[in-house]
Amino acid sequence: MFPVLCPADFIVVDNCFYKNRLPTVGEVVLALDPRNPDVVIVKRVSAVHLDGTLELLGDNMDESTDSRLFGPIAQTLILGRVRICYWPLSRFGYVR
């Protein structure tokens, strides 16, 4: 899959989106890295488990550090849903 976002993209994150519901498969989220909570990561939700844990995968599977390495993460590590890429202007648009 071609990555939706590039490392230098500026994004808008809706940090209230998951206040009343779990993320669903396919959504792009901002999360705390479970190995180092001082680092934030942007990944796509690939699975949602009944106990509230999520599996995250990067769109660039060959280069991504994701749940294949660190395993499922707790829902509490999700900071919000990535909604818009606003810079560079050539990539402006909703993140799907």
N, C-alpha and C. Protein backbone atom coordinates (compact mmCIF):
# COMPACT_ATOMS: atom_id res chain seq x y z
N MET A 1 0.84 -1.17 0.00
CA MET A 1 0.00 0.00 0.00
C MET A 1 0.89 1.24 0.00
N PHE A 2 0.52 2.23 -0.77
CA PHE A 2 1.26 3.50 -0.81
C PHE A 2 0.95 4.29 0.45
N PRO A 3 1.95 4.83 1.14
CA PRO A 3 1.70 5.59 2.36
C PRO A 3 0.80 6.81 2.11
N VAL A 4 -0.17 7.01 2.98
CA VAL A 4 -1.06 8.16 2.90
C VAL A 4 -0.33 9.43 3.31
N LEU A 5 0.57 9.31 4.27
CA LEU A 5 1.30 10.47 4.79
C LEU A 5 2.80 10.29 4.58
N CYS A 6 3.49 11.41 4.48
CA CYS A 6 4.95 11.42 4.38
C CYS A 6 5.52 12.02 5.67
N PRO A 7 6.77 11.75 5.99
CA PRO A 7 7.34 12.22 7.26
C PRO A 7 7.25 13.73 7.49
N ALA A 8 7.28 14.56 6.46
CA ALA A 8 7.26 16.01 6.64
C ALA A 8 5.86 16.62 6.57
N ASP A 9 4.82 15.80 6.41
CA ASP A 9 3.46 16.33 6.31
C ASP A 9 3.01 16.96 7.62
N PHE A 10 2.24 18.03 7.51
CA PHE A 10 1.58 18.66 8.66
C PHE A 10 0.15 18.16 8.66
N ILE A 11 -0.34 17.72 9.83
CA ILE A 11 -1.65 17.10 9.91
C ILE A 11 -2.51 17.76 10.99
N VAL A 12 -3.81 17.56 10.86
CA VAL A 12 -4.77 17.96 11.88
C VAL A 12 -5.31 16.68 12.50
N VAL A 13 -5.30 16.62 13.83
CA VAL A 13 -5.77 15.44 14.56
C VAL A 13 -6.98 15.82 15.39
N ASP A 14 -8.04 15.04 15.29
CA ASP A 14 -9.24 15.22 16.12
C ASP A 14 -9.03 14.41 17.40
N ASN A 15 -8.68 15.09 18.49
CA ASN A 15 -8.37 14.36 19.73
C ASN A 15 -9.62 14.04 20.55
N CYS A 16 -10.80 14.39 20.06
CA CYS A 16 -12.05 14.03 20.74
C CYS A 16 -12.80 12.90 20.03
N PHE A 17 -12.30 12.48 18.88
CA PHE A 17 -13.02 11.53 18.04
C PHE A 17 -13.29 10.20 18.74
N TYR A 18 -12.39 9.75 19.58
CA TYR A 18 -12.54 8.44 20.22
C TYR A 18 -12.96 8.53 21.68
N LYS A 19 -13.55 9.63 22.09
CA LYS A 19 -14.01 9.75 23.48
C LYS A 19 -15.12 8.77 23.80
N ASN A 20 -15.97 8.47 22.82
CA ASN A 20 -17.13 7.60 23.07
C ASN A 20 -17.17 6.34 22.23
N ARG A 21 -16.09 6.06 21.54
CA ARG A 21 -16.07 4.84 20.73
C ARG A 21 -14.65 4.40 20.45
N LEU A 22 -14.51 3.14 20.10
CA LEU A 22 -13.22 2.58 19.72
C LEU A 22 -12.90 2.96 18.28
N PRO A 23 -11.63 3.05 17.94
CA PRO A 23 -11.27 3.19 16.53
C PRO A 23 -11.75 1.96 15.75
N THR A 24 -11.93 2.13 14.47
CA THR A 24 -12.32 1.00 13.62
C THR A 24 -11.20 0.70 12.63
N VAL A 25 -11.22 -0.50 12.11
CA VAL A 25 -10.20 -0.94 11.16
C VAL A 25 -10.18 0.01 9.97
N GLY A 26 -8.98 0.42 9.60
CA GLY A 26 -8.78 1.28 8.45
C GLY A 26 -8.56 2.74 8.79
N GLU A 27 -8.92 3.17 10.00
CA GLU A 27 -8.73 4.56 10.39
C GLU A 27 -7.26 4.84 10.70
N VAL A 28 -6.81 6.05 10.38
CA VAL A 28 -5.44 6.48 10.66
C VAL A 28 -5.46 7.23 11.98
N VAL A 29 -4.61 6.80 12.91
CA VAL A 29 -4.63 7.36 14.26
C VAL A 29 -3.25 7.88 14.66
N LEU A 30 -3.29 8.80 15.63
CA LEU A 30 -2.08 9.27 16.30
C LEU A 30 -2.05 8.57 17.64
N ALA A 31 -0.93 7.97 17.99
CA ALA A 31 -0.84 7.19 19.23
C ALA A 31 0.51 7.40 19.89
N LEU A 32 0.54 7.13 21.18
CA LEU A 32 1.82 7.10 21.88
C LEU A 32 2.51 5.78 21.58
N ASP A 33 3.79 5.83 21.36
CA ASP A 33 4.56 4.62 21.11
C ASP A 33 4.59 3.81 22.41
N PRO A 34 4.16 2.55 22.40
CA PRO A 34 4.12 1.78 23.65
C PRO A 34 5.50 1.50 24.24
N ARG A 35 6.55 1.63 23.44
CA ARG A 35 7.91 1.40 23.94
C ARG A 35 8.51 2.65 24.56
N ASN A 36 7.99 3.83 24.14
CA ASN A 36 8.51 5.10 24.63
C ASN A 36 7.38 6.14 24.54
N PRO A 37 6.67 6.39 25.63
CA PRO A 37 5.51 7.28 25.58
C PRO A 37 5.84 8.75 25.31
N ASP A 38 7.12 9.09 25.17
CA ASP A 38 7.49 10.43 24.76
C ASP A 38 7.46 10.60 23.24
N VAL A 39 7.23 9.50 22.53
CA VAL A 39 7.22 9.50 21.06
C VAL A 39 5.79 9.25 20.59
N VAL A 40 5.36 10.01 19.58
CA VAL A 40 4.06 9.75 18.98
C VAL A 40 4.25 9.12 17.61
N ILE A 41 3.31 8.27 17.23
CA ILE A 41 3.37 7.57 15.96
C ILE A 41 2.04 7.75 15.23
N VAL A 42 2.08 7.67 13.93
CA VAL A 42 0.88 7.70 13.09
C VAL A 42 0.81 6.37 12.38
N LYS A 43 -0.28 5.64 12.62
CA LYS A 43 -0.45 4.31 12.03
C LYS A 43 -1.92 4.09 11.67
N ARG A 44 -2.17 3.05 10.89
CA ARG A 44 -3.51 2.65 10.51
C ARG A 44 -3.96 1.49 11.41
N VAL A 45 -5.19 1.54 11.87
CA VAL A 45 -5.74 0.46 12.70
C VAL A 45 -5.97 -0.76 11.81
N SER A 46 -5.37 -1.89 12.20
CA SER A 46 -5.52 -3.11 11.41
C SER A 46 -6.41 -4.15 12.10
N ALA A 47 -6.59 -4.01 13.42
CA ALA A 47 -7.47 -4.94 14.15
C ALA A 47 -7.86 -4.30 15.47
N VAL A 48 -9.08 -4.61 15.90
CA VAL A 48 -9.59 -4.16 17.19
C VAL A 48 -10.03 -5.40 17.94
N HIS A 49 -9.47 -5.61 19.13
CA HIS A 49 -9.78 -6.79 19.93
C HIS A 49 -10.82 -6.46 20.99
N LEU A 50 -11.58 -7.46 21.42
CA LEU A 50 -12.68 -7.26 22.37
C LEU A 50 -12.23 -6.70 23.72
N ASP A 51 -10.98 -6.94 24.14
CA ASP A 51 -10.50 -6.42 25.44
C ASP A 51 -9.99 -4.98 25.34
N GLY A 52 -10.26 -4.29 24.19
CA GLY A 52 -9.90 -2.88 24.05
C GLY A 52 -8.49 -2.63 23.54
N THR A 53 -7.81 -3.66 23.07
CA THR A 53 -6.49 -3.44 22.48
C THR A 53 -6.61 -3.35 20.97
N LEU A 54 -5.63 -2.68 20.37
CA LEU A 54 -5.65 -2.44 18.93
C LEU A 54 -4.33 -2.88 18.32
N GLU A 55 -4.40 -3.29 17.08
CA GLU A 55 -3.18 -3.54 16.33
C GLU A 55 -3.06 -2.46 15.28
N LEU A 56 -1.86 -1.90 15.18
CA LEU A 56 -1.59 -0.81 14.26
C LEU A 56 -0.54 -1.24 13.25
N LEU A 57 -0.75 -0.86 12.00
CA LEU A 57 0.22 -1.13 10.95
C LEU A 57 0.50 0.15 10.18
N GLY A 58 1.74 0.30 9.75
CA GLY A 58 2.08 1.42 8.88
C GLY A 58 1.73 1.09 7.45
N ASP A 59 1.41 2.11 6.67
CA ASP A 59 1.08 1.89 5.26
C ASP A 59 2.29 1.39 4.47
N ASN A 60 3.48 1.81 4.86
CA ASN A 60 4.70 1.37 4.19
C ASN A 60 5.23 0.16 4.97
N MET A 61 4.67 -1.00 4.70
CA MET A 61 4.93 -2.20 5.49
C MET A 61 6.41 -2.58 5.56
N ASP A 62 7.17 -2.31 4.51
CA ASP A 62 8.59 -2.69 4.50
C ASP A 62 9.43 -1.82 5.43
N GLU A 63 8.97 -0.61 5.72
CA GLU A 63 9.76 0.33 6.51
C GLU A 63 9.14 0.65 7.88
N SER A 64 7.96 0.14 8.16
CA SER A 64 7.22 0.56 9.35
C SER A 64 7.58 -0.23 10.60
N THR A 65 7.66 0.49 11.72
CA THR A 65 7.74 -0.12 13.03
C THR A 65 6.34 -0.03 13.61
N ASP A 66 5.70 -1.18 13.82
CA ASP A 66 4.30 -1.18 14.20
C ASP A 66 3.98 -2.39 15.06
N SER A 67 2.72 -2.80 15.13
CA SER A 67 2.32 -3.90 16.01
C SER A 67 2.98 -5.23 15.67
N ARG A 68 3.52 -5.35 14.50
CA ARG A 68 4.27 -6.58 14.18
C ARG A 68 5.52 -6.67 15.05
N LEU A 69 6.01 -5.52 15.52
CA LEU A 69 7.18 -5.49 16.40
C LEU A 69 6.78 -5.36 17.87
N PHE A 70 5.91 -4.39 18.19
CA PHE A 70 5.60 -4.14 19.60
C PHE A 70 4.28 -4.73 20.07
N GLY A 71 3.54 -5.41 19.22
CA GLY A 71 2.31 -6.08 19.61
C GLY A 71 1.12 -5.13 19.71
N PRO A 72 -0.02 -5.65 20.17
CA PRO A 72 -1.21 -4.80 20.32
C PRO A 72 -0.96 -3.71 21.35
N ILE A 73 -1.67 -2.58 21.20
CA ILE A 73 -1.53 -1.49 22.15
C ILE A 73 -2.87 -1.23 22.84
N ALA A 74 -2.82 -0.64 24.01
CA ALA A 74 -4.04 -0.30 24.75
C ALA A 74 -4.73 0.89 24.09
N GLN A 75 -6.04 0.91 24.15
CA GLN A 75 -6.82 2.01 23.60
C GLN A 75 -6.41 3.35 24.23
N THR A 76 -5.97 3.31 25.46
CA THR A 76 -5.59 4.55 26.16
C THR A 76 -4.39 5.25 25.52
N LEU A 77 -3.64 4.54 24.67
CA LEU A 77 -2.50 5.15 23.99
C LEU A 77 -2.89 5.92 22.73
N ILE A 78 -4.15 5.80 22.32
CA ILE A 78 -4.63 6.50 21.13
C ILE A 78 -4.91 7.96 21.50
N LEU A 79 -4.29 8.88 20.77
CA LEU A 79 -4.47 10.30 21.04
C LEU A 79 -5.56 10.94 20.19
N GLY A 80 -5.85 10.36 19.04
CA GLY A 80 -6.88 10.92 18.18
C GLY A 80 -6.82 10.36 16.78
N ARG A 81 -7.79 10.81 15.97
CA ARG A 81 -7.86 10.37 14.58
C ARG A 81 -7.26 11.44 13.68
N VAL A 82 -6.41 11.02 12.77
CA VAL A 82 -5.81 11.94 11.81
C VAL A 82 -6.88 12.27 10.78
N ARG A 83 -7.18 13.57 10.62
CA ARG A 83 -8.27 13.98 9.75
C ARG A 83 -7.82 14.63 8.44
N ILE A 84 -6.84 15.55 8.53
CA ILE A 84 -6.47 16.35 7.36
C ILE A 84 -4.95 16.48 7.28
N CYS A 85 -4.45 16.41 6.07
CA CYS A 85 -3.07 16.80 5.77
C CYS A 85 -3.17 18.20 5.17
N TYR A 86 -2.49 19.19 5.79
CA TYR A 86 -2.61 20.55 5.27
C TYR A 86 -1.31 21.13 4.72
N TRP A 87 -0.21 20.40 4.85
CA TRP A 87 1.04 20.87 4.26
C TRP A 87 1.90 19.69 3.90
N PRO A 88 2.47 19.66 2.75
CA PRO A 88 2.51 20.71 1.75
C PRO A 88 1.16 20.86 1.03
N LEU A 89 0.92 22.02 0.48
CA LEU A 89 -0.37 22.29 -0.16
C LEU A 89 -0.69 21.31 -1.28
N SER A 90 0.34 20.79 -1.92
CA SER A 90 0.11 19.83 -3.01
C SER A 90 -0.52 18.53 -2.50
N ARG A 91 -0.45 18.28 -1.18
CA ARG A 91 -1.02 17.06 -0.59
C ARG A 91 -2.22 17.36 0.29
N PHE A 92 -2.73 18.60 0.25
CA PHE A 92 -3.85 19.01 1.09
C PHE A 92 -5.06 18.12 0.85
N GLY A 93 -5.68 17.67 1.93
CA GLY A 93 -6.92 16.90 1.80
C GLY A 93 -7.18 16.05 3.02
N TYR A 94 -8.36 15.41 3.01
CA TYR A 94 -8.75 14.51 4.09
C TYR A 94 -7.90 13.25 4.06
N VAL A 95 -7.58 12.74 5.23
CA VAL A 95 -6.82 11.49 5.36
C VAL A 95 -7.81 10.35 5.48
N ARG A 96 -7.75 9.40 4.58
CA ARG A 96 -8.68 8.27 4.59
C ARG A 96 -7.92 6.98 4.80
